[in-house]
Amino acid sequence: MSTASTSGDLHLENRVDALLDLAKKAGADAADATVFGSDQISVGRRMGQVETLERADSSGVDLRVFLKGQIAQVSGSDLTDAGLQRLAERAVGMAKYSPADPFAQLADPDQLARDIPTLETCDPVEPGTEHMLDRAAEAEEAMLGVQGIMNSGGVSAGWTKSSLVIATTNGFLGSVQSTRHGLSVSGIAGEGDAQKRDYDYSLAVFGEDLKDPREIGLEAGRRSVRQLGAKPGATAQVPVIFEPRVAVRMFALLMGAINGESVVRGTSLLADHVGKPVIAPELSVFEDPFRKRGQGSRPFDGEGLPVQERALFDQGMLTTHLHNLATAKQAGVEPTGHASRGGASVGIGYANAWLTPSERSVEAMLSEAGEAFYVTSLMGQGANMITGDYSQGATGFWVRNGELAEPVESMTLGGKLQDMWLSMATAEDLTWFGGMGTATIRMTGLTIAGT
């Protein structure tokens, strides 16, 4: 038995072991399962009044069984012996009538993760509702103190502690505990039809790593006020600069294009680009599943395979697609340890991927551009991941003489992802958003449609 643990839950480990035994007794050739539990607190307030105060806990189980090349996937929430037995019997019964899947499989025992390091994924300190309400109040009061703010869009604080256990009938048992702390606030500037709303937030594994509540509130207020008077700008073709909050959405498009599921389905424009240049040669993309207190950190993947630090793009060149066991088999390559679990199904995910920053300040990037469009918000989903056609609504600021000038809205960006990625340049302000990190990004070759 290969066992990996980062302070897991012994009760959940007992439950997943029992479930796999029941699946075998019900007739499964093999099986894997995840059992999870969570405890969460959420509070919300608006204009000084508490609007929500909730505490909830939940648990559940996902089971996948293999029977003569056929598989079935089921989920449930009853962790009693009787509940697990019903789940196992239902899964095996479904598998008998399921179509064969030539690619679904468990890992070979020698592929399973071993000698897993302990990760800082769980904060032992529970914040408590009073502390969370105090932080929410401090953030909202700071936001309301910004000149031009007329109202509050609300503030919310949350805390979640989760436990996850993954086990397979061929010898893997892994468990991990994780925490998430969060605080967000929204401000409303102006009145009537001229109102503008924006927000700021902070997420962290450890509560002590959250941004200061006052800083969050002030930033939410400033972001709301600075949009007042925004109008559509003129159609132009100038460099487009994405602040980190929206740059991460552009980065996500790149990462989605190397997802093995898209590759084997033929729905990725980068299906045949391993070993070829995709992004600017000055840039690389690294992944570090072991990042200290990283929101995407994990000691193993969703199928029990080891994870590793690696370069996904090296000096512009794509080095690999991201695969789980099934997509790797279909593509005829080795699995890369990127399986993720979403319910009973197995998908693909990555852990703490970031686009390399440069030594260039944001101010220098603006100065180099001279005239540009600085994007602070994107609307809609406008990318065709087969052809690379890109079109998306945007708001932000016009850049004149290397400095932010008037706010603009109702703009539309258009271009080809292939050209946009090759033109990318980054600033120095690497910022993390969950399991992804990026700095300010500049791209060229886009058309900006306005009035």
Protein backbone atom coordinates (compact mmCIF):
# COMPACT_ATOMS: atom_id res chain seq x y z
CA MET A 1 0.00 0.00 0.00
CA SER A 2 1.38 3.40 -1.05
CA THR A 3 0.30 5.91 1.57
CA ALA A 4 0.59 9.70 1.37
CA SER A 5 -0.75 12.07 3.99
CA THR A 6 -0.67 15.73 4.94
CA SER A 7 -2.54 15.53 8.26
CA GLY A 8 -5.51 13.73 6.75
CA ASP A 9 -8.73 12.60 8.44
CA LEU A 10 -8.56 9.06 9.87
CA HIS A 11 -12.36 8.71 9.85
CA LEU A 12 -12.49 9.52 6.14
CA GLU A 13 -9.63 7.11 5.46
CA ASN A 14 -11.61 4.39 7.23
CA ARG A 15 -14.67 5.18 5.12
CA VAL A 16 -12.84 5.07 1.79
CA ASP A 17 -11.18 1.76 2.70
CA ALA A 18 -14.58 0.31 3.59
CA LEU A 19 -16.10 1.54 0.33
CA LEU A 20 -13.41 -0.07 -1.82
CA ASP A 21 -13.84 -3.37 0.02
CA LEU A 22 -17.58 -3.21 -0.60
CA ALA A 23 -17.03 -2.44 -4.29
CA LYS A 24 -14.84 -5.52 -4.68
CA LYS A 25 -17.37 -7.67 -2.83
CA ALA A 26 -20.10 -6.36 -5.14
CA GLY A 27 -18.17 -7.65 -8.13
CA ALA A 28 -15.91 -4.81 -9.29
CA ASP A 29 -12.58 -5.82 -10.82
CA ALA A 30 -11.03 -2.58 -9.55
CA ALA A 31 -12.13 0.75 -8.14
CA ASP A 32 -11.00 4.11 -6.89
CA ALA A 33 -12.78 6.51 -4.59
CA THR A 34 -12.60 9.89 -2.94
CA VAL A 35 -14.17 10.81 0.38
CA PHE A 36 -14.31 14.44 1.43
CA GLY A 37 -15.51 16.60 4.26
CA SER A 38 -15.64 20.34 4.78
CA ASP A 39 -16.47 22.89 7.47
CA GLN A 40 -17.10 26.49 6.49
CA ILE A 41 -18.06 29.85 7.93
CA SER A 42 -19.38 32.77 5.88
CA VAL A 43 -20.37 36.23 7.01
CA GLY A 44 -21.69 39.20 5.07
CA ARG A 45 -22.54 42.78 5.87
CA ARG A 46 -23.65 45.89 4.03
CA MET A 47 -23.74 49.49 5.24
CA GLY A 48 -22.84 48.46 8.76
CA GLN A 49 -25.52 45.79 9.09
CA VAL A 50 -24.83 42.05 9.29
CA GLU A 51 -26.76 40.36 6.47
CA THR A 52 -25.49 36.77 6.64
CA LEU A 53 -23.88 34.63 9.31
CA GLU A 54 -23.68 30.96 8.43
CA ARG A 55 -21.79 27.87 9.43
CA ALA A 56 -22.14 24.62 7.52
CA ASP A 57 -20.43 21.29 7.22
CA SER A 58 -20.74 18.67 4.53
CA SER A 59 -19.28 15.35 3.48
CA GLY A 60 -19.54 13.12 0.48
CA VAL A 61 -18.08 10.25 -1.46
CA ASP A 62 -17.33 9.55 -5.12
CA LEU A 63 -16.77 6.05 -6.47
CA ARG A 64 -15.54 4.78 -9.83
CA VAL A 65 -15.68 1.05 -10.55
CA PHE A 66 -14.14 -1.02 -13.35
CA LEU A 67 -15.82 -4.19 -14.60
CA LYS A 68 -14.54 -6.06 -17.67
CA GLY A 69 -13.55 -2.84 -19.44
CA GLN A 70 -16.74 -1.06 -18.45
CA ILE A 71 -16.87 1.69 -15.86
CA ALA A 72 -19.46 3.51 -13.78
CA GLN A 73 -19.14 6.63 -11.67
CA VAL A 74 -21.45 7.45 -8.76
CA SER A 75 -21.59 9.96 -5.91
CA GLY A 76 -23.31 10.02 -2.53
CA SER A 77 -23.40 11.69 0.86
CA ASP A 78 -24.27 8.78 3.18
CA LEU A 79 -21.04 7.57 4.80
CA THR A 80 -22.66 4.92 6.97
CA ASP A 81 -21.89 1.27 6.30
CA ALA A 82 -25.33 0.77 4.79
CA GLY A 83 -25.01 3.90 2.65
CA LEU A 84 -21.62 2.85 1.30
CA GLN A 85 -22.91 -0.64 0.51
CA ARG A 86 -25.83 0.77 -1.47
CA LEU A 87 -23.45 3.05 -3.37
CA ALA A 88 -21.07 0.19 -4.22
CA GLU A 89 -23.87 -2.08 -5.40
CA ARG A 90 -25.38 0.70 -7.50
CA ALA A 91 -22.05 1.46 -9.15
CA VAL A 92 -21.39 -2.17 -10.08
CA GLY A 93 -24.93 -2.56 -11.35
CA MET A 94 -24.51 0.48 -13.58
CA ALA A 95 -21.15 -0.71 -14.89
CA LYS A 96 -22.71 -3.89 -16.25
CA TYR A 97 -24.75 -1.81 -18.69
CA SER A 98 -22.19 0.88 -19.47
CA PRO A 99 -20.29 1.01 -22.76
CA ALA A 100 -16.69 -0.15 -22.70
CA ASP A 101 -14.07 2.55 -22.21
CA PRO A 102 -10.71 1.51 -23.70
CA PHE A 103 -8.82 4.35 -22.04
CA ALA A 104 -10.07 4.49 -18.43
CA GLN A 105 -7.69 2.70 -16.06
CA LEU A 106 -6.01 2.72 -12.69
CA ALA A 107 -2.31 3.45 -12.43
CA ASP A 108 0.21 0.63 -12.32
CA PRO A 109 1.43 0.20 -8.74
CA ASP A 110 4.92 1.39 -9.66
CA GLN A 111 3.44 4.65 -11.01
CA LEU A 112 1.86 5.64 -7.68
CA ALA A 113 3.19 8.50 -5.56
CA ARG A 114 5.53 7.62 -2.69
CA ASP A 115 7.59 9.60 -0.15
CA ILE A 116 5.27 12.58 -0.32
CA PRO A 117 6.45 15.74 1.46
CA THR A 118 4.26 17.45 4.03
CA LEU A 119 2.83 20.65 2.57
CA GLU A 120 1.64 23.81 4.30
CA THR A 121 -1.91 23.50 3.01
CA CYS A 122 -3.81 23.75 6.31
CA ASP A 123 -3.96 26.66 8.75
CA PRO A 124 -4.50 25.31 12.28
CA VAL A 125 -6.11 28.59 13.38
CA GLU A 126 -9.87 28.90 12.89
CA PRO A 127 -10.75 32.61 12.65
CA GLY A 128 -14.13 32.59 14.38
CA THR A 129 -17.19 34.61 13.41
CA GLU A 130 -16.43 37.62 15.61
CA HIS A 131 -12.98 38.05 14.08
CA MET A 132 -14.40 37.69 10.57
CA LEU A 133 -17.11 40.26 11.24
CA ASP A 134 -14.51 42.68 12.61
CA ARG A 135 -12.39 42.31 9.46
CA ALA A 136 -15.44 42.78 7.26
CA ALA A 137 -16.40 45.93 9.16
CA GLU A 138 -12.90 47.37 8.85
CA ALA A 139 -12.83 46.75 5.10
CA GLU A 140 -16.27 48.27 4.51
CA GLU A 141 -15.56 51.34 6.63
CA ALA A 142 -12.33 51.98 4.72
CA MET A 143 -14.14 51.64 1.39
CA LEU A 144 -16.95 54.00 2.44
CA GLY A 145 -14.35 56.57 3.45
CA VAL A 146 -13.05 56.94 -0.11
CA GLN A 147 -14.19 60.25 -1.62
CA GLY A 148 -16.78 59.61 -4.34
CA ILE A 149 -18.13 56.38 -2.86
CA MET A 150 -21.89 56.64 -2.41
CA ASN A 151 -22.86 53.17 -1.28
CA SER A 152 -21.61 49.73 -0.39
CA GLY A 153 -22.07 46.74 -2.62
CA GLY A 154 -21.45 44.54 0.39
CA VAL A 155 -18.56 42.80 2.05
CA SER A 156 -18.11 39.09 2.67
CA ALA A 157 -15.63 37.01 4.62
CA GLY A 158 -15.26 33.27 4.47
CA TRP A 159 -13.27 30.37 5.87
CA THR A 160 -13.26 26.75 4.74
CA LYS A 161 -11.42 23.72 6.04
CA SER A 162 -11.50 20.68 3.77
CA SER A 163 -10.31 17.10 4.04
CA LEU A 164 -9.88 14.82 1.04
CA VAL A 165 -8.92 11.16 0.86
CA ILE A 166 -8.17 9.33 -2.40
CA ALA A 167 -7.74 5.56 -2.50
CA THR A 168 -7.48 2.84 -5.13
CA THR A 169 -7.82 -0.93 -5.00
CA ASN A 170 -4.33 -1.33 -6.43
CA GLY A 171 -2.54 0.15 -3.46
CA PHE A 172 -2.84 3.92 -3.06
CA LEU A 173 -4.18 5.82 -0.07
CA GLY A 174 -3.56 9.55 0.10
CA SER A 175 -5.09 12.25 2.25
CA VAL A 176 -4.76 16.00 2.50
CA GLN A 177 -6.28 18.79 4.55
CA SER A 178 -6.50 22.36 3.31
CA THR A 179 -7.88 25.73 4.38
CA ARG A 180 -9.02 28.84 2.56
CA HIS A 181 -9.52 32.30 4.06
CA GLY A 182 -11.15 35.06 2.04
CA LEU A 183 -12.30 38.67 2.30
CA SER A 184 -13.94 40.75 -0.44
CA VAL A 185 -15.64 44.14 -0.60
CA SER A 186 -17.54 45.97 -3.33
CA GLY A 187 -17.97 49.73 -3.64
CA ILE A 188 -20.46 51.87 -5.56
CA ALA A 189 -19.41 55.30 -6.83
CA GLY A 190 -21.60 57.98 -8.38
CA GLU A 191 -25.37 58.10 -8.66
CA GLY A 192 -28.13 56.98 -11.02
CA ASP A 193 -27.09 55.83 -14.47
CA ALA A 194 -23.58 57.12 -13.84
CA GLN A 195 -22.93 54.64 -11.03
CA LYS A 196 -19.78 52.54 -11.20
CA ARG A 197 -19.03 49.47 -9.14
CA ASP A 198 -15.80 47.61 -8.52
CA TYR A 199 -14.28 45.41 -5.85
CA ASP A 200 -11.14 44.08 -4.26
CA TYR A 201 -10.48 40.84 -2.45
CA SER A 202 -7.86 38.62 -0.89
CA LEU A 203 -7.61 34.82 -0.66
CA ALA A 204 -5.03 32.83 1.28
CA VAL A 205 -4.36 29.39 2.73
CA PHE A 206 -3.33 30.95 6.07
CA GLY A 207 -5.35 33.78 7.58
CA GLU A 208 -2.22 35.71 8.47
CA ASP A 209 -1.40 35.98 4.75
CA LEU A 210 -4.60 37.86 3.86
CA LYS A 211 -4.19 41.47 2.81
CA ASP A 212 -5.01 44.05 5.46
CA PRO A 213 -8.79 44.67 5.53
CA ARG A 214 -8.31 48.42 5.31
CA GLU A 215 -6.11 48.01 2.22
CA ILE A 216 -8.78 45.86 0.57
CA GLY A 217 -11.49 48.42 1.33
CA LEU A 218 -9.47 51.38 0.10
CA GLU A 219 -8.58 49.60 -3.14
CA ALA A 220 -12.22 48.67 -3.78
CA GLY A 221 -13.21 52.29 -3.27
CA ARG A 222 -10.47 53.70 -5.46
CA ARG A 223 -11.22 51.22 -8.25
CA SER A 224 -14.90 52.19 -8.22
CA VAL A 225 -14.31 55.95 -8.20
CA ARG A 226 -11.69 55.97 -10.93
CA GLN A 227 -14.23 54.59 -13.44
CA LEU A 228 -16.56 57.59 -13.10
CA GLY A 229 -17.06 59.33 -16.43
CA ALA A 230 -16.03 56.34 -18.52
CA LYS A 231 -17.12 56.48 -22.17
CA PRO A 232 -16.48 54.35 -25.25
CA GLY A 233 -13.16 55.18 -26.84
CA ALA A 234 -12.16 55.37 -30.47
CA THR A 235 -11.38 52.32 -32.59
CA ALA A 236 -7.62 51.81 -32.69
CA GLN A 237 -4.82 49.30 -33.00
CA VAL A 238 -2.41 49.96 -30.15
CA PRO A 239 -0.72 47.75 -27.55
CA VAL A 240 -3.10 46.26 -25.01
CA ILE A 241 -1.92 46.04 -21.40
CA PHE A 242 -3.80 43.75 -19.01
CA GLU A 243 -3.53 44.36 -15.28
CA PRO A 244 -2.86 41.14 -13.32
CA ARG A 245 -6.50 40.60 -12.36
CA VAL A 246 -7.49 40.27 -16.02
CA ALA A 247 -4.11 39.03 -17.25
CA VAL A 248 -4.79 35.81 -15.35
CA ARG A 249 -7.82 35.23 -17.58
CA MET A 250 -5.61 35.52 -20.64
CA PHE A 251 -3.14 33.14 -19.01
CA ALA A 252 -5.99 30.70 -18.36
CA LEU A 253 -6.72 30.56 -22.09
CA LEU A 254 -3.14 29.49 -22.72
CA MET A 255 -3.29 26.84 -20.01
CA GLY A 256 -6.62 25.56 -21.30
CA ALA A 257 -5.08 25.00 -24.71
CA ILE A 258 -2.64 22.41 -23.30
CA ASN A 259 -5.32 20.43 -21.45
CA GLY A 260 -5.01 16.81 -22.55
CA GLU A 261 -8.77 16.35 -22.77
CA SER A 262 -8.97 19.12 -25.36
CA VAL A 263 -5.95 17.72 -27.17
CA VAL A 264 -7.37 14.20 -27.60
CA ARG A 265 -10.80 15.58 -28.57
CA GLY A 266 -9.20 17.69 -31.28
CA THR A 267 -10.48 20.94 -29.76
CA SER A 268 -7.14 22.60 -28.98
CA LEU A 269 -5.19 24.81 -31.34
CA LEU A 270 -2.00 23.60 -29.59
CA ALA A 271 -2.62 19.88 -30.14
CA ASP A 272 0.47 19.51 -32.34
CA HIS A 273 2.67 22.19 -30.78
CA VAL A 274 4.81 20.27 -28.27
CA GLY A 275 8.39 21.30 -28.98
CA LYS A 276 7.29 24.36 -30.94
CA PRO A 277 7.31 28.06 -29.99
CA VAL A 278 3.97 29.27 -28.64
CA ILE A 279 4.75 32.28 -26.44
CA ALA A 280 7.48 34.91 -26.63
CA PRO A 281 10.97 33.41 -26.21
CA GLU A 282 11.62 35.65 -23.21
CA LEU A 283 8.86 33.89 -21.28
CA SER A 284 8.42 30.54 -19.58
CA VAL A 285 5.62 28.92 -17.60
CA PHE A 286 6.53 26.95 -14.49
CA GLU A 287 4.46 24.73 -12.23
CA ASP A 288 5.26 24.08 -8.57
CA PRO A 289 2.78 21.80 -6.77
CA PHE A 290 4.90 22.07 -3.60
CA ARG A 291 4.80 25.88 -3.32
CA LYS A 292 4.75 26.95 0.33
CA ARG A 293 1.20 27.93 1.28
CA GLY A 294 0.20 27.83 -2.37
CA GLN A 295 -3.52 27.75 -3.03
CA GLY A 296 -2.99 25.14 -5.72
CA SER A 297 -0.44 23.02 -3.84
CA ARG A 298 -1.04 19.27 -3.69
CA PRO A 299 1.13 16.26 -2.79
CA PHE A 300 -0.27 13.94 -5.50
CA ASP A 301 -2.70 14.12 -8.38
CA GLY A 302 -6.29 12.93 -8.51
CA GLU A 303 -5.30 9.39 -9.48
CA GLY A 304 -2.52 8.96 -6.93
CA LEU A 305 0.35 9.77 -9.29
CA PRO A 306 3.27 11.93 -8.19
CA VAL A 307 3.37 15.60 -9.07
CA GLN A 308 6.53 17.54 -9.81
CA GLU A 309 8.01 20.94 -10.44
CA ARG A 310 8.42 21.48 -14.16
CA ALA A 311 8.57 23.97 -17.00
CA LEU A 312 5.40 23.72 -19.07
CA PHE A 313 6.73 26.32 -21.50
CA ASP A 314 10.49 26.78 -21.65
CA GLN A 315 11.73 29.99 -23.28
CA GLY A 316 8.60 30.13 -25.37
CA MET A 317 8.50 26.45 -26.34
CA LEU A 318 5.66 24.16 -25.26
CA THR A 319 7.22 21.19 -23.45
CA THR A 320 4.17 19.04 -22.70
CA HIS A 321 0.43 18.73 -22.67
CA LEU A 322 -1.28 18.05 -19.33
CA HIS A 323 -2.51 14.46 -19.05
CA ASN A 324 -4.29 12.12 -16.70
CA LEU A 325 -4.09 8.36 -17.19
CA ALA A 326 -6.92 8.15 -19.72
CA THR A 327 -5.86 11.03 -21.96
CA ALA A 328 -2.25 9.89 -21.86
CA LYS A 329 -3.26 6.41 -23.03
CA GLN A 330 -5.40 7.86 -25.79
CA ALA A 331 -2.59 10.17 -26.90
CA GLY A 332 0.03 7.43 -26.67
CA VAL A 333 2.20 9.26 -24.13
CA GLU A 334 3.09 8.92 -20.46
CA PRO A 335 0.73 10.48 -17.87
CA THR A 336 2.01 13.77 -16.47
CA GLY A 337 0.38 13.71 -13.02
CA HIS A 338 -2.31 16.27 -13.81
CA ALA A 339 -5.45 14.31 -12.94
CA SER A 340 -8.04 16.21 -10.94
CA ARG A 341 -11.19 14.98 -9.26
CA GLY A 342 -14.52 16.68 -9.79
CA GLY A 343 -17.13 14.40 -8.34
CA ALA A 344 -16.68 10.82 -9.47
CA SER A 345 -15.23 11.85 -12.83
CA VAL A 346 -11.54 12.43 -13.44
CA GLY A 347 -10.50 15.62 -15.18
CA ILE A 348 -7.27 17.56 -15.64
CA GLY A 349 -5.84 20.35 -13.50
CA TYR A 350 -2.56 22.04 -12.69
CA ALA A 351 -1.01 23.19 -9.45
CA ASN A 352 0.53 26.64 -8.98
CA ALA A 353 1.38 27.52 -12.58
CA TRP A 354 2.87 30.93 -13.25
CA LEU A 355 4.02 33.01 -16.18
CA THR A 356 7.50 34.36 -15.56
CA PRO A 357 7.67 38.07 -14.71
CA SER A 358 10.36 40.40 -16.00
CA GLU A 359 12.38 43.10 -14.28
CA ARG A 360 10.33 45.79 -16.04
CA SER A 361 8.12 47.96 -13.82
CA VAL A 362 4.53 48.60 -14.81
CA GLU A 363 5.41 52.28 -15.14
CA ALA A 364 8.19 51.40 -17.57
CA MET A 365 5.83 49.20 -19.58
CA LEU A 366 3.34 52.06 -19.88
CA SER A 367 6.10 54.48 -20.82
CA GLU A 368 7.44 52.15 -23.51
CA ALA A 369 3.96 51.79 -25.00
CA GLY A 370 3.32 55.54 -25.20
CA GLU A 371 -0.28 55.08 -26.33
CA ALA A 372 -2.12 51.91 -25.32
CA PHE A 373 -5.29 50.45 -23.84
CA TYR A 374 -4.93 49.41 -20.18
CA VAL A 375 -7.57 46.76 -19.43
CA THR A 376 -9.06 46.43 -15.95
CA SER A 377 -12.11 44.29 -16.73
CA LEU A 378 -13.15 41.72 -19.34
CA MET A 379 -16.68 40.63 -20.19
CA GLY A 380 -17.89 37.42 -21.77
CA GLN A 381 -16.13 34.33 -23.06
CA GLY A 382 -14.84 35.18 -26.50
CA ALA A 383 -12.19 32.65 -27.50
CA ASN A 384 -12.47 29.86 -30.06
CA MET A 385 -9.90 27.34 -28.83
CA ILE A 386 -9.87 25.49 -32.17
CA THR A 387 -9.24 28.41 -34.54
CA GLY A 388 -7.69 30.88 -32.10
CA ASP A 389 -10.19 33.63 -32.94
CA TYR A 390 -10.50 35.98 -29.97
CA SER A 391 -13.11 38.65 -29.24
CA GLN A 392 -14.02 40.01 -25.82
CA GLY A 393 -15.57 43.10 -24.26
CA ALA A 394 -13.28 45.26 -22.13
CA THR A 395 -13.15 48.34 -19.95
CA GLY A 396 -10.17 50.21 -18.60
CA PHE A 397 -8.12 53.32 -19.31
CA TRP A 398 -6.52 54.89 -22.33
CA VAL A 399 -2.79 55.35 -21.97
CA ARG A 400 -1.42 58.63 -23.32
CA ASN A 401 2.21 59.67 -23.18
CA GLY A 402 2.96 56.63 -21.05
CA GLU A 403 0.43 57.40 -18.32
CA LEU A 404 -3.12 56.33 -17.50
CA ALA A 405 -5.54 58.93 -18.85
CA GLU A 406 -9.34 58.84 -19.26
CA PRO A 407 -11.46 55.79 -18.34
CA VAL A 408 -13.06 53.96 -21.27
CA GLU A 409 -15.81 51.35 -21.48
CA SER A 410 -17.78 49.29 -24.00
CA MET A 411 -14.67 48.40 -25.99
CA THR A 412 -14.19 45.15 -27.90
CA LEU A 413 -10.84 43.41 -28.28
CA GLY A 414 -10.20 41.22 -31.30
CA GLY A 415 -7.27 39.16 -32.52
CA LYS A 416 -5.71 35.73 -32.98
CA LEU A 417 -4.54 33.92 -29.86
CA GLN A 418 -1.53 32.53 -31.69
CA ASP A 419 -0.27 36.04 -32.50
CA MET A 420 -1.24 37.42 -29.10
CA TRP A 421 0.70 34.74 -27.21
CA LEU A 422 3.83 35.23 -29.31
CA SER A 423 3.71 38.99 -28.66
CA MET A 424 3.37 38.72 -24.87
CA ALA A 425 5.60 40.67 -22.52
CA THR A 426 5.34 40.81 -18.74
CA ALA A 427 6.09 43.34 -16.02
CA GLU A 428 7.60 42.59 -12.61
CA ASP A 429 4.40 42.54 -10.52
CA LEU A 430 3.79 38.79 -10.25
CA THR A 431 0.43 38.29 -8.52
CA TRP A 432 -1.22 35.04 -7.47
CA PHE A 433 -4.88 34.20 -8.06
CA GLY A 434 -5.59 30.80 -6.56
CA GLY A 435 -3.30 28.33 -8.26
CA MET A 436 -2.24 30.72 -11.04
CA GLY A 437 0.26 33.55 -11.05
CA THR A 438 0.90 36.28 -13.58
CA ALA A 439 2.20 39.82 -13.79
CA THR A 440 0.84 42.65 -15.90
CA ILE A 441 0.86 41.48 -19.54
CA ARG A 442 1.30 43.50 -22.73
CA MET A 443 0.12 42.16 -26.09
CA THR A 444 0.24 43.60 -29.58
CA GLY A 445 -1.64 42.88 -32.78
CA LEU A 446 -5.13 43.26 -31.30
CA THR A 447 -7.82 45.47 -32.77
CA ILE A 448 -9.68 47.65 -30.28
CA ALA A 449 -13.18 48.48 -31.47
CA GLY A 450 -15.01 51.41 -29.94
CA THR A 451 -16.87 54.34 -31.42
